[in-house]
Amino acid sequence: MRGEEQGGGVLMRFLLYAVAMVLLAHAGGAEAGELKEEWAELRKEIEGTKK
């Protein structure tokens, strides 16, 4: 049960980052570079929870 709650939190963060990526892709600039770094970290975290 506890794992499901944490997995849901990771999924929500994933969706929020995905939306932010789309918005910043249109905006461009240095912020997009920072978000790409955070996105890479988030992907590692998500892949870690799948194992």
C-alpha atoms as a PDB file:
ATOM      1  CA  MET A   1       0.000   0.000   0.000  1.00  0.00           C
ATOM      2  CA  ARG A   2       2.794   2.389   0.920  1.00  0.00           C
ATOM      3  CA  GLY A   3       4.571   1.780  -2.386  1.00  0.00           C
ATOM      4  CA  GLU A   4       1.462   2.685  -4.355  1.00  0.00           C
ATOM      5  CA  GLU A   5       1.208   6.048  -2.607  1.00  0.00           C
ATOM      6  CA  GLN A   6       4.846   6.827  -3.367  1.00  0.00           C
ATOM      7  CA  GLY A   7       4.454   5.624  -6.956  1.00  0.00           C
ATOM      8  CA  GLY A   8       1.476   7.934  -7.391  1.00  0.00           C
ATOM      9  CA  GLY A   9       3.547  10.853  -6.145  1.00  0.00           C
ATOM     10  CA  VAL A  10       6.286  10.058  -8.638  1.00  0.00           C
ATOM     11  CA  LEU A  11       3.699   9.802 -11.422  1.00  0.00           C
ATOM     12  CA  MET A  12       2.251  13.205 -10.521  1.00  0.00           C
ATOM     13  CA  ARG A  13       5.746  14.738 -10.553  1.00  0.00           C
ATOM     14  CA  PHE A  14       6.380  13.063 -13.907  1.00  0.00           C
ATOM     15  CA  LEU A  15       3.223  14.608 -15.354  1.00  0.00           C
ATOM     16  CA  LEU A  16       4.039  18.049 -13.927  1.00  0.00           C
ATOM     17  CA  TYR A  17       7.539  17.931 -15.402  1.00  0.00           C
ATOM     18  CA  ALA A  18       6.149  16.764 -18.741  1.00  0.00           C
ATOM     19  CA  VAL A  19       3.800  19.756 -18.856  1.00  0.00           C
ATOM     20  CA  ALA A  20       6.614  22.098 -17.839  1.00  0.00           C
ATOM     21  CA  MET A  21       8.858  20.638 -20.570  1.00  0.00           C
ATOM     22  CA  VAL A  22       6.227  21.374 -23.206  1.00  0.00           C
ATOM     23  CA  LEU A  23       5.728  24.937 -21.983  1.00  0.00           C
ATOM     24  CA  LEU A  24       9.458  25.652 -21.787  1.00  0.00           C
ATOM     25  CA  ALA A  25      10.067  24.046 -25.169  1.00  0.00           C
ATOM     26  CA  HIS A  26       7.974  26.864 -26.599  1.00  0.00           C
ATOM     27  CA  ALA A  27       9.580  29.503 -24.371  1.00  0.00           C
ATOM     28  CA  GLY A  28      13.184  28.314 -24.859  1.00  0.00           C
ATOM     29  CA  GLY A  29      16.135  29.893 -23.053  1.00  0.00           C
ATOM     30  CA  ALA A  30      18.330  28.895 -20.126  1.00  0.00           C
ATOM     31  CA  GLU A  31      15.345  27.688 -18.093  1.00  0.00           C
ATOM     32  CA  ALA A  32      14.815  24.844 -20.541  1.00  0.00           C
ATOM     33  CA  GLY A  33      18.409  23.712 -19.983  1.00  0.00           C
ATOM     34  CA  GLU A  34      17.900  23.642 -16.227  1.00  0.00           C
ATOM     35  CA  LEU A  35      14.669  21.714 -16.588  1.00  0.00           C
ATOM     36  CA  LYS A  36      16.342  19.142 -18.842  1.00  0.00           C
ATOM     37  CA  GLU A  37      18.811  18.432 -16.028  1.00  0.00           C
ATOM     38  CA  GLU A  38      15.981  18.007 -13.527  1.00  0.00           C
ATOM     39  CA  TRP A  39      14.091  15.857 -16.051  1.00  0.00           C
ATOM     40  CA  ALA A  40      17.107  13.531 -16.337  1.00  0.00           C
ATOM     41  CA  GLU A  41      17.223  13.192 -12.548  1.00  0.00           C
ATOM     42  CA  LEU A  42      13.484  12.521 -12.397  1.00  0.00           C
ATOM     43  CA  ARG A  43      13.756   9.831 -15.095  1.00  0.00           C
ATOM     44  CA  LYS A  44      16.475   8.090 -13.054  1.00  0.00           C
ATOM     45  CA  GLU A  45      14.215   8.219 -10.001  1.00  0.00           C
ATOM     46  CA  ILE A  46      11.260   6.789 -11.947  1.00  0.00           C
ATOM     47  CA  GLU A  47      13.379   4.008 -13.435  1.00  0.00           C
ATOM     48  CA  GLY A  48      14.658   3.232  -9.934  1.00  0.00           C
ATOM     49  CA  THR A  49      11.110   2.799  -8.595  1.00  0.00           C
ATOM     50  CA  LYS A  50      10.163   0.393 -11.404  1.00  0.00           C
ATOM     51  CA  LYS A  51      12.746  -2.170 -10.239  1.00  0.00           C
END
